[in-house]
PDB file of N, CA and C in Angstrom:
ATOM      1  N   MET A   1     -52.653 -75.501  30.904  1.00  0.00           N
ATOM      2  CA  MET A   1     -51.758 -75.732  29.796  1.00  0.00           C
ATOM      3  C   MET A   1     -51.522 -77.233  29.641  1.00  0.00           C
ATOM      4  N   ASN A   2     -51.428 -77.669  28.354  1.00  0.00           N
ATOM      5  CA  ASN A   2     -51.232 -79.091  28.081  1.00  0.00           C
ATOM      6  C   ASN A   2     -49.760 -79.453  28.247  1.00  0.00           C
ATOM      7  N   THR A   3     -49.609 -80.637  28.749  1.00  0.00           N
ATOM      8  CA  THR A   3     -48.237 -81.135  28.887  1.00  0.00           C
ATOM      9  C   THR A   3     -47.811 -81.724  27.554  1.00  0.00           C
ATOM     10  N   THR A   4     -46.553 -81.947  27.450  1.00  0.00           N
ATOM     11  CA  THR A   4     -46.012 -82.536  26.230  1.00  0.00           C
ATOM     12  C   THR A   4     -46.655 -83.885  25.977  1.00  0.00           C
ATOM     13  N   GLN A   5     -46.872 -84.637  27.033  1.00  0.00           N
ATOM     14  CA  GLN A   5     -47.499 -85.963  26.916  1.00  0.00           C
ATOM     15  C   GLN A   5     -48.916 -85.839  26.355  1.00  0.00           C
ATOM     16  N   GLU A   6     -49.702 -84.884  26.856  1.00  0.00           N
ATOM     17  CA  GLU A   6     -51.075 -84.686  26.387  1.00  0.00           C
ATOM     18  C   GLU A   6     -51.092 -84.240  24.911  1.00  0.00           C
ATOM     19  N   ILE A   7     -50.199 -83.354  24.596  1.00  0.00           N
ATOM     20  CA  ILE A   7     -50.106 -82.894  23.201  1.00  0.00           C
ATOM     21  C   ILE A   7     -49.783 -84.065  22.289  1.00  0.00           C
ATOM     22  N   TRP A   8     -48.828 -84.873  22.722  1.00  0.00           N
ATOM     23  CA  TRP A   8     -48.415 -86.027  21.925  1.00  0.00           C
ATOM     24  C   TRP A   8     -49.571 -87.013  21.753  1.00  0.00           C
ATOM     25  N   GLU A   9     -50.329 -87.265  22.844  1.00  0.00           N
ATOM     26  CA  GLU A   9     -51.462 -88.190  22.782  1.00  0.00           C
ATOM     27  C   GLU A   9     -52.569 -87.639  21.872  1.00  0.00           C
ATOM     28  N   ASN A  10     -52.846 -86.325  21.994  1.00  0.00           N
ATOM     29  CA  ASN A  10     -53.861 -85.704  21.125  1.00  0.00           C
ATOM     30  C   ASN A  10     -53.446 -85.803  19.655  1.00  0.00           C
ATOM     31  N   ARG A  11     -52.176 -85.553  19.448  1.00  0.00           N
ATOM     32  CA  ARG A  11     -51.660 -85.631  18.068  1.00  0.00           C
ATOM     33  C   ARG A  11     -51.790 -87.053  17.542  1.00  0.00           C
ATOM     34  N   HIS A  12     -51.456 -88.002  18.370  1.00  0.00           N
ATOM     35  CA  HIS A  12     -51.537 -89.408  17.986  1.00  0.00           C
ATOM     36  C   HIS A  12     -52.997 -89.792  17.704  1.00  0.00           C
ATOM     37  N   ALA A  13     -53.932 -89.335  18.528  1.00  0.00           N
ATOM     38  CA  ALA A  13     -55.354 -89.635  18.343  1.00  0.00           C
ATOM     39  C   ALA A  13     -55.849 -89.016  17.031  1.00  0.00           C
ATOM     40  N   HIS A  14     -55.421 -87.769  16.763  1.00  0.00           N
ATOM     41  CA  HIS A  14     -55.808 -87.126  15.507  1.00  0.00           C
ATOM     42  C   HIS A  14     -55.244 -87.872  14.299  1.00  0.00           C
ATOM     43  N   MET A  15     -54.021 -88.346  14.437  1.00  0.00           N
ATOM     44  CA  MET A  15     -53.405 -89.086  13.331  1.00  0.00           C
ATOM     45  C   MET A  15     -54.144 -90.403  13.095  1.00  0.00           C
ATOM     46  N   GLU A  16     -54.549 -91.069  14.182  1.00  0.00           N
ATOM     47  CA  GLU A  16     -55.296 -92.320  14.030  1.00  0.00           C
ATOM     48  C   GLU A  16     -56.646 -92.059  13.353  1.00  0.00           C
ATOM     49  N   LYS A  17     -57.333 -90.977  13.793  1.00  0.00           N
ATOM     50  CA  LYS A  17     -58.620 -90.623  13.213  1.00  0.00           C
ATOM     51  C   LYS A  17     -58.451 -90.284  11.715  1.00  0.00           C
ATOM     52  N   ALA A  18     -57.423 -89.514  11.388  1.00  0.00           N
ATOM     53  CA  ALA A  18     -57.149 -89.161   9.995  1.00  0.00           C
ATOM     54  C   ALA A  18     -56.847 -90.411   9.185  1.00  0.00           C
ATOM     55  N   SER A  19     -56.130 -91.332   9.764  1.00  0.00           N
ATOM     56  CA  SER A  19     -55.793 -92.585   9.082  1.00  0.00           C
ATOM     57  C   SER A  19     -57.061 -93.398   8.811  1.00  0.00           C
ATOM     58  N   GLU A  20     -57.964 -93.454   9.804  1.00  0.00           N
ATOM     59  CA  GLU A  20     -59.227 -94.175   9.629  1.00  0.00           C
ATOM     60  C   GLU A  20     -60.056 -93.526   8.512  1.00  0.00           C
ATOM     61  N   LEU A  21     -60.163 -92.196   8.566  1.00  0.00           N
ATOM     62  CA  LEU A  21     -60.930 -91.488   7.540  1.00  0.00           C
ATOM     63  C   LEU A  21     -60.309 -91.682   6.161  1.00  0.00           C
ATOM     64  N   GLY A  22     -58.994 -91.664   6.085  1.00  0.00           N
ATOM     65  CA  GLY A  22     -58.305 -91.896   4.815  1.00  0.00           C
ATOM     66  C   GLY A  22     -58.586 -93.295   4.278  1.00  0.00           C
ATOM     67  N   ALA A  23     -58.570 -94.288   5.186  1.00  0.00           N
ATOM     68  CA  ALA A  23     -58.835 -95.671   4.772  1.00  0.00           C
ATOM     69  C   ALA A  23     -60.273 -95.799   4.266  1.00  0.00           C
ATOM     70  N   LYS A  24     -61.213 -95.138   4.972  1.00  0.00           N
ATOM     71  CA  LYS A  24     -62.610 -95.172   4.521  1.00  0.00           C
ATOM     72  C   LYS A  24     -62.744 -94.528   3.135  1.00  0.00           C
ATOM     73  N   ALA A  25     -62.054 -93.403   2.940  1.00  0.00           N
ATOM     74  CA  ALA A  25     -62.109 -92.723   1.654  1.00  0.00           C
ATOM     75  C   ALA A  25     -61.543 -93.612   0.548  1.00  0.00           C
ATOM     76  N   VAL A  26     -60.440 -94.290   0.840  1.00  0.00           N
ATOM     77  CA  VAL A  26     -59.838 -95.194  -0.149  1.00  0.00           C
ATOM     78  C   VAL A  26     -60.815 -96.318  -0.475  1.00  0.00           C
ATOM     79  N   ASN A  27     -61.456 -96.893   0.544  1.00  0.00           N
ATOM     80  CA  ASN A  27     -62.415 -97.977   0.301  1.00  0.00           C
ATOM     81  C   ASN A  27     -63.605 -97.496  -0.530  1.00  0.00           C
ATOM     82  N   LYS A  28     -64.115 -96.324  -0.192  1.00  0.00           N
ATOM     83  CA  LYS A  28     -65.244 -95.782  -0.970  1.00  0.00           C
ATOM     84  C   LYS A  28     -64.809 -95.530  -2.415  1.00  0.00           C
ATOM     85  N   SER A  29     -63.598 -95.046  -2.574  1.00  0.00           N
ATOM     86  CA  SER A  29     -63.069 -94.807  -3.909  1.00  0.00           C
ATOM     87  C   SER A  29     -62.977 -96.112  -4.688  1.00  0.00           C
ATOM     88  N   LYS A  30     -62.477 -97.148  -4.034  1.00  0.00           N
ATOM     89  CA  LYS A  30     -62.373 -98.460  -4.692  1.00  0.00           C
ATOM     90  C   LYS A  30     -63.756 -98.981  -5.068  1.00  0.00           C
ATOM     91  N   GLN A  31     -64.726 -98.802  -4.149  1.00  0.00           N
ATOM     92  CA  GLN A  31     -66.086 -99.256  -4.436  1.00  0.00           C
ATOM     93  C   GLN A  31     -66.674 -98.484  -5.624  1.00  0.00           C
ATOM     94  N   ALA A  32     -66.479 -97.171  -5.620  1.00  0.00           N
ATOM     95  CA  ALA A  32     -66.999 -96.350  -6.716  1.00  0.00           C
ATOM     96  C   ALA A  32     -66.346 -96.763  -8.026  1.00  0.00           C
ATOM     97  N   TYR A  33     -65.036 -96.988  -8.006  1.00  0.00           N
ATOM     98  CA  TYR A  33     -64.329 -97.412  -9.218  1.00  0.00           C
ATOM     99  C   TYR A  33     -64.877 -98.753  -9.702  1.00  0.00           C
ATOM    100  N   GLY A  34     -65.055 -99.687  -8.770  1.00  0.00           N
ATOM    101  CA  GLY A  34     -65.599-100.997  -9.129  1.00  0.00           C
ATOM    102  C   GLY A  34     -66.988-100.883  -9.736  1.00  0.00           C
ATOM    103  N   SER A  35     -67.812-100.025  -9.153  1.00  0.00           N
ATOM    104  CA  SER A  35     -69.168 -99.827  -9.655  1.00  0.00           C
ATOM    105  C   SER A  35     -69.133 -99.213 -11.055  1.00  0.00           C
ATOM    106  N   LEU A  36     -68.315 -98.183 -11.243  1.00  0.00           N
ATOM    107  CA  LEU A  36     -68.197 -97.558 -12.565  1.00  0.00           C
ATOM    108  C   LEU A  36     -67.660 -98.542 -13.596  1.00  0.00           C
ATOM    109  N   LYS A  37     -66.692 -99.348 -13.176  1.00  0.00           N
ATOM    110  CA  LYS A  37     -66.117-100.333 -14.091  1.00  0.00           C
ATOM    111  C   LYS A  37     -67.187-101.347 -14.521  1.00  0.00           C
ATOM    112  N   MET A  38     -68.005-101.794 -13.549  1.00  0.00           N
ATOM    113  CA  MET A  38     -69.068-102.743 -13.893  1.00  0.00           C
ATOM    114  C   MET A  38     -70.089-102.099 -14.828  1.00  0.00           C
ATOM    115  N   GLN A  39     -70.440-100.839 -14.553  1.00  0.00           N
ATOM    116  CA  GLN A  39     -71.390-100.143 -15.421  1.00  0.00           C
ATOM    117  C   GLN A  39     -70.826-100.009 -16.841  1.00  0.00           C
ATOM    118  N   ALA A  40     -69.556 -99.656 -16.927  1.00  0.00           N
ATOM    119  CA  ALA A  40     -68.928 -99.513 -18.249  1.00  0.00           C
ATOM    120  C   ALA A  40     -68.903-100.854 -18.975  1.00  0.00           C
ATOM    121  N   GLU A  41     -68.573-101.916 -18.267  1.00  0.00           N
ATOM    122  CA  GLU A  41     -68.562-103.247 -18.883  1.00  0.00           C
ATOM    123  C   GLU A  41     -69.956-103.637 -19.357  1.00  0.00           C
ATOM    124  N   ASN A  42     -70.984-103.291 -18.569  1.00  0.00           N
ATOM    125  CA  ASN A  42     -72.371-103.575 -18.973  1.00  0.00           C
ATOM    126  C   ASN A  42     -72.730-102.824 -20.254  1.00  0.00           C
ATOM    127  N   VAL A  43     -72.330-101.559 -20.310  1.00  0.00           N
ATOM    128  CA  VAL A  43     -72.614-100.761 -21.506  1.00  0.00           C
ATOM    129  C   VAL A  43     -71.925-101.382 -22.725  1.00  0.00           C
ATOM    130  N   VAL A  44     -70.669-101.742 -22.574  1.00  0.00           N
ATOM    131  CA  VAL A  44     -69.922-102.360 -23.680  1.00  0.00           C
ATOM    132  C   VAL A  44     -70.576-103.677 -24.089  1.00  0.00           C
ATOM    133  N   ASN A  45     -70.937-104.494 -23.090  1.00  0.00           N
ATOM    134  CA  ASN A  45     -71.578-105.780 -23.405  1.00  0.00           C
ATOM    135  C   ASN A  45     -72.911-105.580 -24.105  1.00  0.00           C
ATOM    136  N   LYS A  46     -73.698-104.617 -23.630  1.00  0.00           N
ATOM    137  CA  LYS A  46     -74.987-104.343 -24.282  1.00  0.00           C
ATOM    138  C   LYS A  46     -74.760-103.873 -25.715  1.00  0.00           C
ATOM    139  N   GLY A  47     -73.727-103.051 -25.923  1.00  0.00           N
ATOM    140  CA  GLY A  47     -73.399-102.606 -27.270  1.00  0.00           C
ATOM    141  C   GLY A  47     -73.035-103.777 -28.164  1.00  0.00           C
ATOM    142  N   HIS A  48     -72.213-104.690 -27.629  1.00  0.00           N
ATOM    143  CA  HIS A  48     -71.845-105.876 -28.414  1.00  0.00           C
ATOM    144  C   HIS A  48     -73.088-106.709 -28.736  1.00  0.00           C
ATOM    145  N   GLU A  49     -73.958-106.869 -27.733  1.00  0.00           N
ATOM    146  CA  GLU A  49     -75.188-107.638 -27.963  1.00  0.00           C
ATOM    147  C   GLU A  49     -76.049-106.972 -29.020  1.00  0.00           C
ATOM    148  N   TRP A  50     -76.194-105.646 -28.929  1.00  0.00           N
ATOM    149  CA  TRP A  50     -77.031-104.924 -29.893  1.00  0.00           C
ATOM    150  C   TRP A  50     -76.494-105.117 -31.297  1.00  0.00           C
ATOM    151  N   TRP A  51     -75.171-104.956 -31.474  1.00  0.00           N
ATOM    152  CA  TRP A  51     -74.585-105.127 -32.807  1.00  0.00           C
ATOM    153  C   TRP A  51     -74.708-106.562 -33.285  1.00  0.00           C
ATOM    154  N   ARG A  52     -74.581-107.520 -32.337  1.00  0.00           N
ATOM    155  CA  ARG A  52     -74.742-108.921 -32.737  1.00  0.00           C
ATOM    156  C   ARG A  52     -76.168-109.164 -33.218  1.00  0.00           C
ATOM    157  N   ASP A  53     -77.150-108.572 -32.507  1.00  0.00           N
ATOM    158  CA  ASP A  53     -78.561-108.783 -32.858  1.00  0.00           C
ATOM    159  C   ASP A  53     -79.006-107.945 -34.057  1.00  0.00           C
ATOM    160  N   ASN A  54     -78.446-106.748 -34.217  1.00  0.00           N
ATOM    161  CA  ASN A  54     -78.942-105.804 -35.229  1.00  0.00           C
ATOM    162  C   ASN A  54     -77.934-105.465 -36.316  1.00  0.00           C
ATOM    163  N   GLY A  55     -76.718-105.928 -36.185  1.00  0.00           N
ATOM    164  CA  GLY A  55     -75.659-105.544 -37.117  1.00  0.00           C
ATOM    165  C   GLY A  55     -75.976-105.852 -38.561  1.00  0.00           C
ATOM    166  N   GLU A  56     -76.529-107.032 -38.827  1.00  0.00           N
ATOM    167  CA  GLU A  56     -76.845-107.395 -40.215  1.00  0.00           C
ATOM    168  C   GLU A  56     -77.928-106.498 -40.779  1.00  0.00           C
ATOM    169  N   ASP A  57     -78.917-106.161 -39.932  1.00  0.00           N
ATOM    170  CA  ASP A  57     -79.978-105.247 -40.393  1.00  0.00           C
ATOM    171  C   ASP A  57     -79.395-103.883 -40.729  1.00  0.00           C
ATOM    172  N   VAL A  58     -78.478-103.417 -39.899  1.00  0.00           N
ATOM    173  CA  VAL A  58     -77.847-102.116 -40.142  1.00  0.00           C
ATOM    174  C   VAL A  58     -77.045-102.169 -41.435  1.00  0.00           C
ATOM    175  N   LYS A  59     -76.265-103.229 -41.600  1.00  0.00           N
ATOM    176  CA  LYS A  59     -75.480-103.375 -42.832  1.00  0.00           C
ATOM    177  C   LYS A  59     -76.383-103.407 -44.060  1.00  0.00           C
ATOM    178  N   GLU A  60     -77.479-104.151 -43.966  1.00  0.00           N
ATOM    179  CA  GLU A  60     -78.402-104.244 -45.093  1.00  0.00           C
ATOM    180  C   GLU A  60     -79.031-102.884 -45.382  1.00  0.00           C
ATOM    181  N   TYR A  61     -79.407-102.148 -44.340  1.00  0.00           N
ATOM    182  CA  TYR A  61     -79.982-100.805 -44.517  1.00  0.00           C
ATOM    183  C   TYR A  61     -78.971 -99.893 -45.213  1.00  0.00           C
ATOM    184  N   VAL A  62     -77.725 -99.953 -44.774  1.00  0.00           N
ATOM    185  CA  VAL A  62     -76.689 -99.114 -45.385  1.00  0.00           C
ATOM    186  C   VAL A  62     -76.492 -99.509 -46.846  1.00  0.00           C
ATOM    187  N   ARG A  63     -76.478-100.808 -47.115  1.00  0.00           N
ATOM    188  CA  ARG A  63     -76.334-101.271 -48.505  1.00  0.00           C
ATOM    189  C   ARG A  63     -77.493-100.768 -49.372  1.00  0.00           C
ATOM    190  N   GLU A  64     -78.730-100.927 -48.864  1.00  0.00           N
ATOM    191  CA  GLU A  64     -79.893-100.491 -49.629  1.00  0.00           C
ATOM    192  C   GLU A  64     -79.876 -98.985 -49.860  1.00  0.00           C
ATOM    193  N   THR A  65     -79.584 -98.241 -48.798  1.00  0.00           N
ATOM    194  CA  THR A  65     -79.559 -96.778 -48.902  1.00  0.00           C
ATOM    195  C   THR A  65     -78.469 -96.337 -49.863  1.00  0.00           C
ATOM    196  N   SER A  66     -77.313 -96.967 -49.781  1.00  0.00           N
ATOM    197  CA  SER A  66     -76.212 -96.622 -50.691  1.00  0.00           C
ATOM    198  C   SER A  66     -76.599 -96.917 -52.138  1.00  0.00           C
ATOM    199  N   LYS A  67     -77.247 -98.056 -52.356  1.00  0.00           N
ATOM    200  CA  LYS A  67     -77.668 -98.415 -53.713  1.00  0.00           C
ATOM    201  C   LYS A  67     -78.699 -97.424 -54.231  1.00  0.00           C
ATOM    202  N   LYS A  68     -79.683 -97.079 -53.382  1.00  0.00           N
ATOM    203  CA  LYS A  68     -80.708 -96.112 -53.813  1.00  0.00           C
ATOM    204  C   LYS A  68     -80.068 -94.766 -54.144  1.00  0.00           C
ATOM    205  N   THR A  69     -79.122 -94.352 -53.320  1.00  0.00           N
ATOM    206  CA  THR A  69     -78.434 -93.085 -53.569  1.00  0.00           C
ATOM    207  C   THR A  69     -77.672 -93.150 -54.888  1.00  0.00           C
ATOM    208  N   ALA A  70     -76.966 -94.248 -55.104  1.00  0.00           N
ATOM    209  CA  ALA A  70     -76.211 -94.409 -56.357  1.00  0.00           C
ATOM    210  C   ALA A  70     -77.156 -94.425 -57.552  1.00  0.00           C
ATOM    211  N   ASP A  71     -78.277 -95.133 -57.415  1.00  0.00           N
ATOM    212  CA  ASP A  71     -79.249 -95.178 -58.517  1.00  0.00           C
ATOM    213  C   ASP A  71     -79.813 -93.789 -58.810  1.00  0.00           C
ATOM    214  N   THR A  72     -80.138 -93.051 -57.758  1.00  0.00           N
ATOM    215  CA  THR A  72     -80.677 -91.694 -57.929  1.00  0.00           C
ATOM    216  C   THR A  72     -79.660 -90.799 -58.621  1.00  0.00           C
ATOM    217  N   LEU A  73     -78.416 -90.868 -58.174  1.00  0.00           N
ATOM    218  CA  LEU A  73     -77.363 -90.067 -58.801  1.00  0.00           C
ATOM    219  C   LEU A  73     -77.166 -90.466 -60.261  1.00  0.00           C
ATOM    220  N   ASN A  74     -77.203 -91.756 -60.514  1.00  0.00           N
ATOM    221  CA  ASN A  74     -77.038 -92.257 -61.882  1.00  0.00           C
ATOM    222  C   ASN A  74     -78.192 -91.772 -62.768  1.00  0.00           C
ATOM    223  N   ASP A  75     -79.422 -91.881 -62.243  1.00  0.00           N
ATOM    224  CA  ASP A  75     -80.583 -91.401 -63.008  1.00  0.00           C
ATOM    225  C   ASP A  75     -80.466 -89.908 -63.281  1.00  0.00           C
ATOM    226  N   GLY A  76     -80.074 -89.162 -62.263  1.00  0.00           N
ATOM    227  CA  GLY A  76     -79.903 -87.721 -62.421  1.00  0.00           C
ATOM    228  C   GLY A  76     -78.843 -87.394 -63.451  1.00  0.00           C
ATOM    229  N   TYR A  77     -77.762 -88.143 -63.436  1.00  0.00           N
ATOM    230  CA  TYR A  77     -76.686 -87.939 -64.415  1.00  0.00           C
ATOM    231  C   TYR A  77     -77.217 -88.154 -65.828  1.00  0.00           C
ATOM    232  N   HIS A  78     -77.916 -89.275 -66.023  1.00  0.00           N
ATOM    233  CA  HIS A  78     -78.415 -89.581 -67.370  1.00  0.00           C
ATOM    234  C   HIS A  78     -79.468 -88.569 -67.815  1.00  0.00           C
ATOM    235  N   ALA A  79     -80.344 -88.150 -66.894  1.00  0.00           N
ATOM    236  CA  ALA A  79     -81.365 -87.153 -67.254  1.00  0.00           C
ATOM    237  C   ALA A  79     -80.689 -85.837 -67.636  1.00  0.00           C
ATOM    238  N   THR A  80     -79.700 -85.449 -66.868  1.00  0.00           N
ATOM    239  CA  THR A  80     -78.976 -84.207 -67.164  1.00  0.00           C
ATOM    240  C   THR A  80     -78.232 -84.335 -68.488  1.00  0.00           C
ATOM    241  N   LYS A  81     -77.579 -85.473 -68.677  1.00  0.00           N
ATOM    242  CA  LYS A  81     -76.840 -85.709 -69.914  1.00  0.00           C
ATOM    243  C   LYS A  81     -77.785 -85.638 -71.116  1.00  0.00           C
ATOM    244  N   ASP A  82     -78.969 -86.249 -70.979  1.00  0.00           N
ATOM    245  CA  ASP A  82     -79.949 -86.220 -72.078  1.00  0.00           C
ATOM    246  C   ASP A  82     -80.413 -84.797 -72.360  1.00  0.00           C
ATOM    247  N   LYS A  83     -80.666 -84.024 -71.310  1.00  0.00           N
ATOM    248  CA  LYS A  83     -81.105 -82.636 -71.504  1.00  0.00           C
ATOM    249  C   LYS A  83     -80.009 -81.802 -72.159  1.00  0.00           C
ATOM    250  N   ILE A  84     -78.793 -82.028 -71.749  1.00  0.00           N
ATOM    251  CA  ILE A  84     -77.669 -81.302 -72.363  1.00  0.00           C
ATOM    252  C   ILE A  84     -77.555 -81.683 -73.834  1.00  0.00           C
ATOM    253  N   GLN A  85     -77.702 -82.964 -74.128  1.00  0.00           N
ATOM    254  CA  GLN A  85     -77.636 -83.434 -75.516  1.00  0.00           C
ATOM    255  C   GLN A  85     -78.726 -82.776 -76.362  1.00  0.00           C
ATOM    256  N   LEU A  86     -79.963 -82.719 -75.800  1.00  0.00           N
ATOM    257  CA  LEU A  86     -81.052 -82.068 -76.529  1.00  0.00           C
ATOM    258  C   LEU A  86     -80.758 -80.588 -76.744  1.00  0.00           C
ATOM    259  N   ALA A  87     -80.228 -79.940 -75.722  1.00  0.00           N
ATOM    260  CA  ALA A  87     -79.903 -78.511 -75.842  1.00  0.00           C
ATOM    261  C   ALA A  87     -78.825 -78.298 -76.900  1.00  0.00           C
ATOM    262  N   LEU A  88     -77.834 -79.180 -76.939  1.00  0.00           N
ATOM    263  CA  LEU A  88     -76.775 -79.055 -77.952  1.00  0.00           C
ATOM    264  C   LEU A  88     -77.331 -79.257 -79.361  1.00  0.00           C
ATOM    265  N   GLU A  89     -78.211 -80.240 -79.497  1.00  0.00           N
ATOM    266  CA  GLU A  89     -78.810 -80.494 -80.817  1.00  0.00           C
ATOM    267  C   GLU A  89     -79.652 -79.293 -81.251  1.00  0.00           C
ATOM    268  N   TYR A  90     -80.435 -78.736 -80.337  1.00  0.00           N
ATOM    269  CA  TYR A  90     -81.257 -77.567 -80.653  1.00  0.00           C
ATOM    270  C   TYR A  90     -80.370 -76.384 -81.037  1.00  0.00           C
ATOM    271  N   SER A  91     -79.316 -76.196 -80.264  1.00  0.00           N
ATOM    272  CA  SER A  91     -78.390 -75.098 -80.538  1.00  0.00           C
ATOM    273  C   SER A  91     -77.740 -75.283 -81.907  1.00  0.00           C
ATOM    274  N   LYS A  92     -77.379 -76.507 -82.237  1.00  0.00           N
ATOM    275  CA  LYS A  92     -76.770 -76.797 -83.541  1.00  0.00           C
ATOM    276  C   LYS A  92     -77.758 -76.489 -84.664  1.00  0.00           C
ATOM    277  N   GLU A  93     -79.010 -76.918 -84.493  1.00  0.00           N
ATOM    278  CA  GLU A  93     -80.035 -76.641 -85.510  1.00  0.00           C
ATOM    279  C   GLU A  93     -80.225 -75.140 -85.692  1.00  0.00           C
ATOM    280  N   GLN A  94     -80.296 -74.430 -84.571  1.00  0.00           N
ATOM    281  CA  GLN A  94     -80.495 -72.982 -84.645  1.00  0.00           C
ATOM    282  C   GLN A  94     -79.316 -72.308 -85.350  1.00  0.00           C
ATOM    283  N   THR A  95     -78.117 -72.767 -85.001  1.00  0.00           N
ATOM    284  CA  THR A  95     -76.922 -72.197 -85.638  1.00  0.00           C
ATOM    285  C   THR A  95     -76.939 -72.475 -87.138  1.00  0.00           C
ATOM    286  N   GLU A  96     -77.291 -73.706 -87.512  1.00  0.00           N
ATOM    287  CA  GLU A  96     -77.375 -74.052 -88.936  1.00  0.00           C
ATOM    288  C   GLU A  96     -78.431 -73.205 -89.636  1.00  0.00           C
ATOM    289  N   ASN A  97     -79.576 -72.977 -89.000  1.00  0.00           N
ATOM    290  CA  ASN A  97     -80.630 -72.128 -89.585  1.00  0.00           C
ATOM    291  C   ASN A  97     -80.120 -70.704 -89.802  1.00  0.00           C
ATOM    292  N   ILE A  98     -79.417 -70.178 -88.822  1.00  0.00           N
ATOM    293  CA  ILE A  98     -78.880 -68.818 -88.935  1.00  0.00           C
ATOM    294  C   ILE A  98     -77.875 -68.749 -90.070  1.00  0.00           C
ATOM    295  N   VAL A  99     -77.003 -69.738 -90.158  1.00  0.00           N
ATOM    296  CA  VAL A  99     -75.998 -69.776 -91.227  1.00  0.00           C
ATOM    297  C   VAL A  99     -76.689 -69.870 -92.583  1.00  0.00           C
ATOM    298  N   ASP A 100     -77.708 -70.740 -92.696  1.00  0.00           N
ATOM    299  CA  ASP A 100     -78.426 -70.893 -93.973  1.00  0.00           C
ATOM    300  C   ASP A 100     -79.111 -69.591 -94.373  1.00  0.00           C
ATOM    301  N   ARG A 101     -79.801 -68.943 -93.441  1.00  0.00           N
ATOM    302  CA  ARG A 101     -80.480 -67.681 -93.752  1.00  0.00           C
ATOM    303  C   ARG A 101     -79.484 -66.593 -94.116  1.00  0.00           C
ATOM    304  N   SER A 102     -78.378 -66.593 -93.403  1.00  0.00           N
ATOM    305  CA  SER A 102     -77.343 -65.600 -93.692  1.00  0.00           C
ATOM    306  C   SER A 102     -76.784 -65.830 -95.093  1.00  0.00           C
ATOM    307  N   ARG A 103     -76.535 -67.085 -95.444  1.00  0.00           N
ATOM    308  CA  ARG A 103     -76.020 -67.415 -96.774  1.00  0.00           C
ATOM    309  C   ARG A 103     -77.030 -66.988 -97.834  1.00  0.00           C
ATOM    310  N   GLU A 104     -78.304 -67.305 -97.609  1.00  0.00           N
ATOM    311  CA  GLU A 104     -79.349 -66.919 -98.561  1.00  0.00           C
ATOM    312  C   GLU A 104     -79.396 -65.398 -98.733  1.00  0.00           C
ATOM    313  N   TRP A 105     -79.326 -64.684 -97.633  1.00  0.00           N
ATOM    314  CA  TRP A 105     -79.368 -63.230 -97.695  1.00  0.00           C
ATOM    315  C   TRP A 105     -78.197 -62.693 -98.509  1.00  0.00           C
ATOM    316  N   TRP A 106     -76.979 -63.221 -98.248  1.00  0.00           N
ATOM    317  CA  TRP A 106     -75.797 -62.764 -98.985  1.00  0.00           C
ATOM    318  C   TRP A 106     -75.886 -63.136-100.451  1.00  0.00           C
ATOM    319  N   GLU A 107     -76.429 -64.313-100.734  1.00  0.00           N
ATOM    320  CA  GLU A 107     -76.573 -64.717-102.145  1.00  0.00           C
ATOM    321  C   GLU A 107     -77.509 -63.757-102.886  1.00  0.00           C
ATOM    322  N   LYS A 108     -78.597 -63.332-102.203  1.00  0.00           N
ATOM    323  CA  LYS A 108     -79.525 -62.374-102.815  1.00  0.00           C
ATOM    324  C   LYS A 108     -78.826 -61.020-103.022  1.00  0.00           C
ATOM    325  N   GLN A 109     -77.985 -60.646-102.090  1.00  0.00           N
ATOM    326  CA  GLN A 109     -77.308 -59.361-102.193  1.00  0.00           C
ATOM    327  C   GLN A 109     -76.312 -59.349-103.372  1.00  0.00           C
ATOM    328  N   TRP A 110     -75.735 -60.469-103.643  1.00  0.00           N
ATOM    329  CA  TRP A 110     -74.716 -60.531-104.697  1.00  0.00           C
ATOM    330  C   TRP A 110     -75.304 -60.748-106.078  1.00  0.00           C
ATOM    331  N   ARG A 111     -76.526 -61.024-106.191  1.00  0.00           N
ATOM    332  CA  ARG A 111     -77.128 -61.250-107.519  1.00  0.00           C
ATOM    333  C   ARG A 111     -77.390 -59.986-108.219  1.00  0.00           C
TER     334      ARG A 111
END
């Protein structure tokens, strides 16, 4: 059977070992955090560099694409508007023809 002194010493040794392991874990955690922080900073810096090097090209591409899209929509609008105008004119002519023929028919009926 262990004496109180032996139990106390074993407990103390276990506490020291746990303290050492805890300190190692904290250090590894700090190292991992430092490494992740450096990696994140590198990613951010590379992103800034990429935008500095390519940002104007991206802006120009967006401007060109936006203009082409606007031009296409504008052309489509005018083409549609023209087709609608032609359809309205045709419909008006047809309606006038029907009215004229109807008038002629009624005039013949009343004579």
